[in-house]
């Protein structure tokens, strides 16, 4: 399939740099945002801008869906919308896309998995317990139910990178629980490169886990991240409560992609996010 035009629903922290990278690769990119100020920014970047808000989907711009591929990157936001209504709001987007696009990439989250004290991969069946996890799994199933296009699902782990230094959530705190639990993270750059590899190989219609293969403990990772970030040392409890380790088999087997981050401590030395 010759993919020339890509529409990105949600040009935020991940979507905008991904859109800019696509532009550099020669794709024609359309992008949506809920911010009036962001519309001009998208325009200046050469991205055709569209104001789209999931809370107002009665008059969606048809031109936005005139694309070869739709990239959906709008997670449920608990502070502004009910997680329960999230799949219903996405249904309006899916209805507008059917008959227009042939490929959909839906950005989900490894949050669809409960903390079941286990290792899971793309072949594991999620059984979410949180409202947001249930909403995301419902949304995944919603997209897959449309025969008019092929849906690919990418479940990102926690994203870290420029302007998202996670050490600030732990710096200087004490008695932080679950210090021995493994982390599940991915950098912005690895997330972008993974998506580019998917476009290159066109291995669509599959679930992918976007997560670094290195899973040090919360205590080890965040203590060192705080140190290299110049922040106060956190103190974790030496305990292992509920946990999960997210693995990926499809990223290597189907995309032949090797994550740039193979060791988080090497990454901190070589690519600080200060």
Protein backbone atom coordinates (compact mmCIF):
# COMPACT_ATOMS: atom_id res chain seq x y z
CA UNK A 1 0.00 0.00 0.00
CA UNK A 2 1.34 3.40 -1.01
CA UNK A 3 0.91 5.68 2.01
CA UNK A 4 1.34 9.36 1.19
CA UNK A 5 -1.08 11.24 3.45
CA UNK A 6 -1.37 10.66 7.21
CA UNK A 7 -3.89 12.30 9.53
CA UNK A 8 -2.91 12.51 13.20
CA UNK A 9 -5.72 12.90 15.70
CA UNK A 10 -3.99 14.51 18.66
CA UNK A 11 -0.83 16.56 18.03
CA UNK A 12 0.35 16.77 21.61
CA UNK A 13 3.57 15.78 23.38
CA UNK A 14 3.98 12.68 21.21
CA UNK A 15 1.84 13.51 18.19
CA UNK A 16 3.52 16.79 17.24
CA UNK A 17 7.14 15.55 17.11
CA UNK A 18 5.91 12.45 15.31
CA UNK A 19 4.11 14.65 12.78
CA UNK A 20 7.23 16.76 12.26
CA UNK A 21 9.29 13.60 11.71
CA UNK A 22 6.77 12.38 9.13
CA UNK A 23 7.04 15.70 7.33
CA UNK A 24 10.82 15.29 7.20
CA UNK A 25 10.30 11.83 5.69
CA UNK A 26 8.20 13.29 2.88
CA UNK A 27 4.70 12.43 4.05
CA UNK A 28 1.81 14.86 3.73
CA UNK A 29 0.48 15.33 7.25
CA UNK A 30 -2.81 16.60 8.63
CA UNK A 31 -3.07 17.19 12.34
CA UNK A 32 -5.76 17.93 14.91
CA UNK A 33 -5.65 19.89 18.13
CA UNK A 34 -8.13 21.28 20.63
CA UNK A 35 -6.10 24.47 21.10
CA UNK A 36 -6.67 27.51 18.90
CA UNK A 37 -3.08 28.65 19.49
CA UNK A 38 -1.77 25.24 18.40
CA UNK A 39 -3.53 25.53 15.04
CA UNK A 40 -1.12 28.26 13.94
CA UNK A 41 1.85 26.27 15.22
CA UNK A 42 0.81 23.28 13.14
CA UNK A 43 0.35 25.50 10.11
CA UNK A 44 3.84 26.95 10.52
CA UNK A 45 5.28 23.44 10.68
CA UNK A 46 3.67 22.63 7.33
CA UNK A 47 0.99 20.44 8.93
CA UNK A 48 -2.55 21.05 7.71
CA UNK A 49 -4.40 21.93 10.95
CA UNK A 50 -7.87 20.91 12.06
CA UNK A 51 -9.68 21.84 15.30
CA UNK A 52 -11.18 18.58 16.61
CA UNK A 53 -12.48 18.03 20.13
CA UNK A 54 -13.82 14.64 21.22
CA UNK A 55 -16.45 16.44 23.24
CA UNK A 56 -17.81 18.08 20.08
CA UNK A 57 -17.97 15.53 17.26
CA UNK A 58 -21.23 16.46 15.55
CA UNK A 59 -19.57 18.34 12.68
CA UNK A 60 -16.26 16.64 11.94
CA UNK A 61 -14.23 18.01 8.97
CA UNK A 62 -14.41 15.49 6.14
CA UNK A 63 -11.09 16.68 4.71
CA UNK A 64 -9.27 15.48 7.83
CA UNK A 65 -10.32 11.91 7.07
CA UNK A 66 -9.26 12.11 3.44
CA UNK A 67 -6.03 10.26 4.13
CA UNK A 68 -4.33 6.93 3.55
CA UNK A 69 -3.81 6.33 7.26
CA UNK A 70 -5.39 7.70 10.44
CA UNK A 71 -3.19 7.85 13.53
CA UNK A 72 -5.33 8.13 16.68
CA UNK A 73 -3.44 9.51 19.65
CA UNK A 74 -6.00 10.87 22.14
CA UNK A 75 -5.97 9.04 25.49
CA UNK A 76 -8.87 9.29 27.93
CA UNK A 77 -8.42 12.22 30.30
CA UNK A 78 -9.99 11.63 33.67
CA UNK A 79 -10.03 15.32 34.59
CA UNK A 80 -11.97 16.46 31.56
CA UNK A 81 -14.11 13.55 30.48
CA UNK A 82 -15.62 10.41 31.87
CA UNK A 83 -13.54 7.37 31.02
CA UNK A 84 -16.78 5.49 30.48
CA UNK A 85 -17.76 7.78 27.59
CA UNK A 86 -14.33 7.62 25.92
CA UNK A 87 -15.14 4.73 23.53
CA UNK A 88 -18.43 6.38 22.54
CA UNK A 89 -16.61 9.59 21.63
CA UNK A 90 -14.11 7.65 19.54
CA UNK A 91 -16.99 5.95 17.74
CA UNK A 92 -17.82 9.27 16.08
CA UNK A 93 -14.25 9.41 14.79
CA UNK A 94 -14.39 5.81 13.58
CA UNK A 95 -17.70 6.42 11.80
CA UNK A 96 -16.20 9.42 10.02
CA UNK A 97 -13.12 7.40 9.04
CA UNK A 98 -14.90 4.40 7.54
CA UNK A 99 -15.02 4.57 3.78
CA UNK A 100 -12.20 7.13 3.80
CA UNK A 101 -9.08 5.60 5.32
CA UNK A 102 -7.79 2.07 4.82
CA UNK A 103 -5.45 1.91 7.81
CA UNK A 104 -5.88 3.03 11.42
CA UNK A 105 -3.18 3.06 14.08
CA UNK A 106 -4.66 3.42 17.54
CA UNK A 107 -2.31 4.42 20.34
CA UNK A 108 -3.38 2.58 23.46
CA UNK A 109 -1.52 1.94 26.69
CA UNK A 110 -0.06 -0.96 28.63
CA UNK A 111 -2.46 0.28 31.31
CA UNK A 112 -4.97 -2.17 29.82
CA UNK A 113 -3.18 -4.81 31.92
CA UNK A 114 -3.92 -5.14 35.60
CA UNK A 115 -1.12 -5.42 38.19
CA UNK A 116 -1.35 -9.20 38.29
CA UNK A 117 2.17 -10.03 39.54
CA UNK A 118 3.13 -11.39 36.14
CA UNK A 119 4.95 -10.85 32.88
CA UNK A 120 2.74 -10.27 29.85
CA UNK A 121 3.21 -9.73 26.13
CA UNK A 122 0.97 -9.10 23.12
CA UNK A 123 -0.39 -12.63 23.31
CA UNK A 124 -1.69 -12.10 26.86
CA UNK A 125 -5.34 -11.21 27.45
CA UNK A 126 -5.80 -7.95 29.39
CA UNK A 127 -8.20 -7.86 32.31
CA UNK A 128 -8.15 -4.19 33.33
CA UNK A 129 -9.31 -3.10 36.76
CA UNK A 130 -9.07 0.69 36.46
CA UNK A 131 -11.69 2.82 34.70
CA UNK A 132 -9.12 4.16 32.23
CA UNK A 133 -7.81 0.65 31.50
CA UNK A 134 -11.31 -0.62 30.81
CA UNK A 135 -12.02 2.37 28.58
CA UNK A 136 -8.85 1.78 26.58
CA UNK A 137 -9.60 -1.90 26.06
CA UNK A 138 -13.15 -1.05 24.99
CA UNK A 139 -11.69 1.48 22.56
CA UNK A 140 -9.29 -1.11 21.14
CA UNK A 141 -12.20 -3.46 20.53
CA UNK A 142 -14.25 -0.64 19.01
CA UNK A 143 -11.63 0.08 16.36
CA UNK A 144 -11.08 -3.61 15.58
CA UNK A 145 -14.82 -4.08 14.99
CA UNK A 146 -14.79 -1.92 11.85
CA UNK A 147 -14.25 -4.02 8.69
CA UNK A 148 -13.86 -0.92 6.52
CA UNK A 149 -10.26 -0.43 7.65
CA UNK A 150 -7.43 -2.41 9.22
CA UNK A 151 -6.64 -1.46 12.80
CA UNK A 152 -3.17 -1.67 14.31
CA UNK A 153 -2.83 -1.16 18.05
CA UNK A 154 0.30 0.16 19.73
CA UNK A 155 0.26 -0.02 23.52
CA UNK A 156 2.84 2.38 24.84
CA UNK A 157 4.31 1.98 28.30
CA UNK A 158 5.04 5.14 30.30
CA UNK A 159 6.55 7.76 28.01
CA UNK A 160 9.66 9.68 29.00
CA UNK A 161 11.69 12.29 27.14
CA UNK A 162 12.05 16.04 26.58
CA UNK A 163 9.86 18.05 28.98
CA UNK A 164 8.73 14.82 30.62
CA UNK A 165 11.32 14.05 33.28
CA UNK A 166 9.54 11.59 35.56
CA UNK A 167 12.00 12.14 38.41
CA UNK A 168 10.01 15.18 39.52
CA UNK A 169 7.25 12.89 40.80
CA UNK A 170 9.62 11.17 43.23
CA UNK A 171 12.37 13.66 44.10
CA UNK A 172 12.80 14.15 47.85
CA UNK A 173 9.88 11.92 48.81
CA UNK A 174 10.19 9.19 51.43
CA UNK A 175 8.45 5.90 52.12
CA UNK A 176 7.53 5.51 48.45
CA UNK A 177 5.78 2.14 48.14
CA UNK A 178 6.61 -0.80 45.90
CA UNK A 179 10.29 -0.02 45.46
CA UNK A 180 11.10 -3.48 44.07
CA UNK A 181 8.48 -3.44 41.31
CA UNK A 182 9.81 -3.37 37.71
CA UNK A 183 9.40 -0.27 35.56
CA UNK A 184 7.74 -0.25 32.13
CA UNK A 185 8.85 2.77 30.09
CA UNK A 186 9.67 3.93 26.57
CA UNK A 187 11.41 7.08 25.31
CA UNK A 188 9.80 9.52 22.92
CA UNK A 189 12.45 8.68 20.31
CA UNK A 190 11.89 4.93 20.54
CA UNK A 191 8.15 5.52 20.23
CA UNK A 192 8.61 7.56 17.07
CA UNK A 193 11.08 5.11 15.54
CA UNK A 194 8.78 2.18 16.28
CA UNK A 195 5.92 3.91 14.45
CA UNK A 196 8.18 4.72 11.52
CA UNK A 197 9.25 1.09 11.29
CA UNK A 198 5.59 0.06 11.22
CA UNK A 199 4.95 2.41 8.30
CA UNK A 200 8.02 1.08 6.54
CA UNK A 201 7.21 -2.61 6.95
CA UNK A 202 3.42 -2.18 6.76
CA UNK A 203 2.91 -5.02 9.21
CA UNK A 204 -0.56 -3.73 10.00
CA UNK A 205 -3.44 -5.38 11.85
CA UNK A 206 -1.29 -6.43 14.81
CA UNK A 207 -0.97 -5.45 18.49
CA UNK A 208 2.45 -4.07 19.46
CA UNK A 209 3.86 -3.28 22.88
CA UNK A 210 6.02 -0.18 22.86
CA UNK A 211 8.20 -0.75 25.92
CA UNK A 212 11.93 -0.92 26.51
CA UNK A 213 13.17 -4.48 27.20
CA UNK A 214 15.06 -3.32 30.33
CA UNK A 215 13.00 -3.41 33.54
CA UNK A 216 15.03 -2.29 36.57
CA UNK A 217 13.27 -1.71 39.88
CA UNK A 218 11.48 1.54 40.63
CA UNK A 219 13.97 2.24 43.39
CA UNK A 220 17.05 1.72 41.22
CA UNK A 221 15.70 3.63 38.22
CA UNK A 222 14.19 6.68 39.91
CA UNK A 223 17.00 7.06 42.44
CA UNK A 224 19.52 7.29 39.62
CA UNK A 225 17.25 9.48 37.48
CA UNK A 226 16.89 11.93 40.35
CA UNK A 227 20.67 11.93 40.85
CA UNK A 228 21.52 12.71 37.21
CA UNK A 229 18.71 15.29 37.13
CA UNK A 230 20.17 17.11 40.14
CA UNK A 231 17.10 16.42 42.25
CA UNK A 232 16.79 15.27 45.86
CA UNK A 233 17.18 11.55 46.43
CA UNK A 234 13.93 9.64 46.88
CA UNK A 235 13.53 6.90 49.48
CA UNK A 236 11.58 3.81 48.48
CA UNK A 237 10.24 1.05 50.66
CA UNK A 238 12.10 -2.22 50.13
CA UNK A 239 9.00 -4.15 49.14
CA UNK A 240 7.31 -5.82 46.21
CA UNK A 241 3.55 -5.26 46.08
CA UNK A 242 1.34 -5.69 43.01
CA UNK A 243 3.37 -5.44 39.82
CA UNK A 244 3.52 -6.29 36.13
CA UNK A 245 6.28 -6.51 33.56
CA UNK A 246 5.27 -5.66 30.01
CA UNK A 247 7.24 -7.48 27.32
CA UNK A 248 7.06 -7.31 23.54
CA UNK A 249 7.45 -10.15 21.07
CA UNK A 250 5.76 -8.64 18.02
CA UNK A 251 8.02 -5.57 17.80
CA UNK A 252 11.09 -7.75 17.24
CA UNK A 253 9.46 -10.64 15.36
CA UNK A 254 7.18 -8.71 13.00
CA UNK A 255 8.87 -5.30 12.74
CA UNK A 256 12.47 -6.45 13.29
CA UNK A 257 12.89 -3.37 15.47
CA UNK A 258 15.51 -3.12 18.20
CA UNK A 259 14.80 -0.53 20.87
CA UNK A 260 17.46 2.15 21.14
CA UNK A 261 17.20 1.92 24.93
CA UNK A 262 18.56 -1.47 25.91
CA UNK A 263 19.78 -0.27 29.30
CA UNK A 264 18.20 2.66 31.14
CA UNK A 265 21.32 3.51 33.10
CA UNK A 266 23.37 3.79 29.91
CA UNK A 267 20.62 5.99 28.51
CA UNK A 268 20.85 8.30 31.52
CA UNK A 269 24.60 8.66 30.96
CA UNK A 270 24.39 9.29 27.24
CA UNK A 271 21.02 10.94 26.70
CA UNK A 272 20.05 12.94 29.79
CA UNK A 273 16.68 14.69 29.58
CA UNK A 274 17.63 17.62 31.76
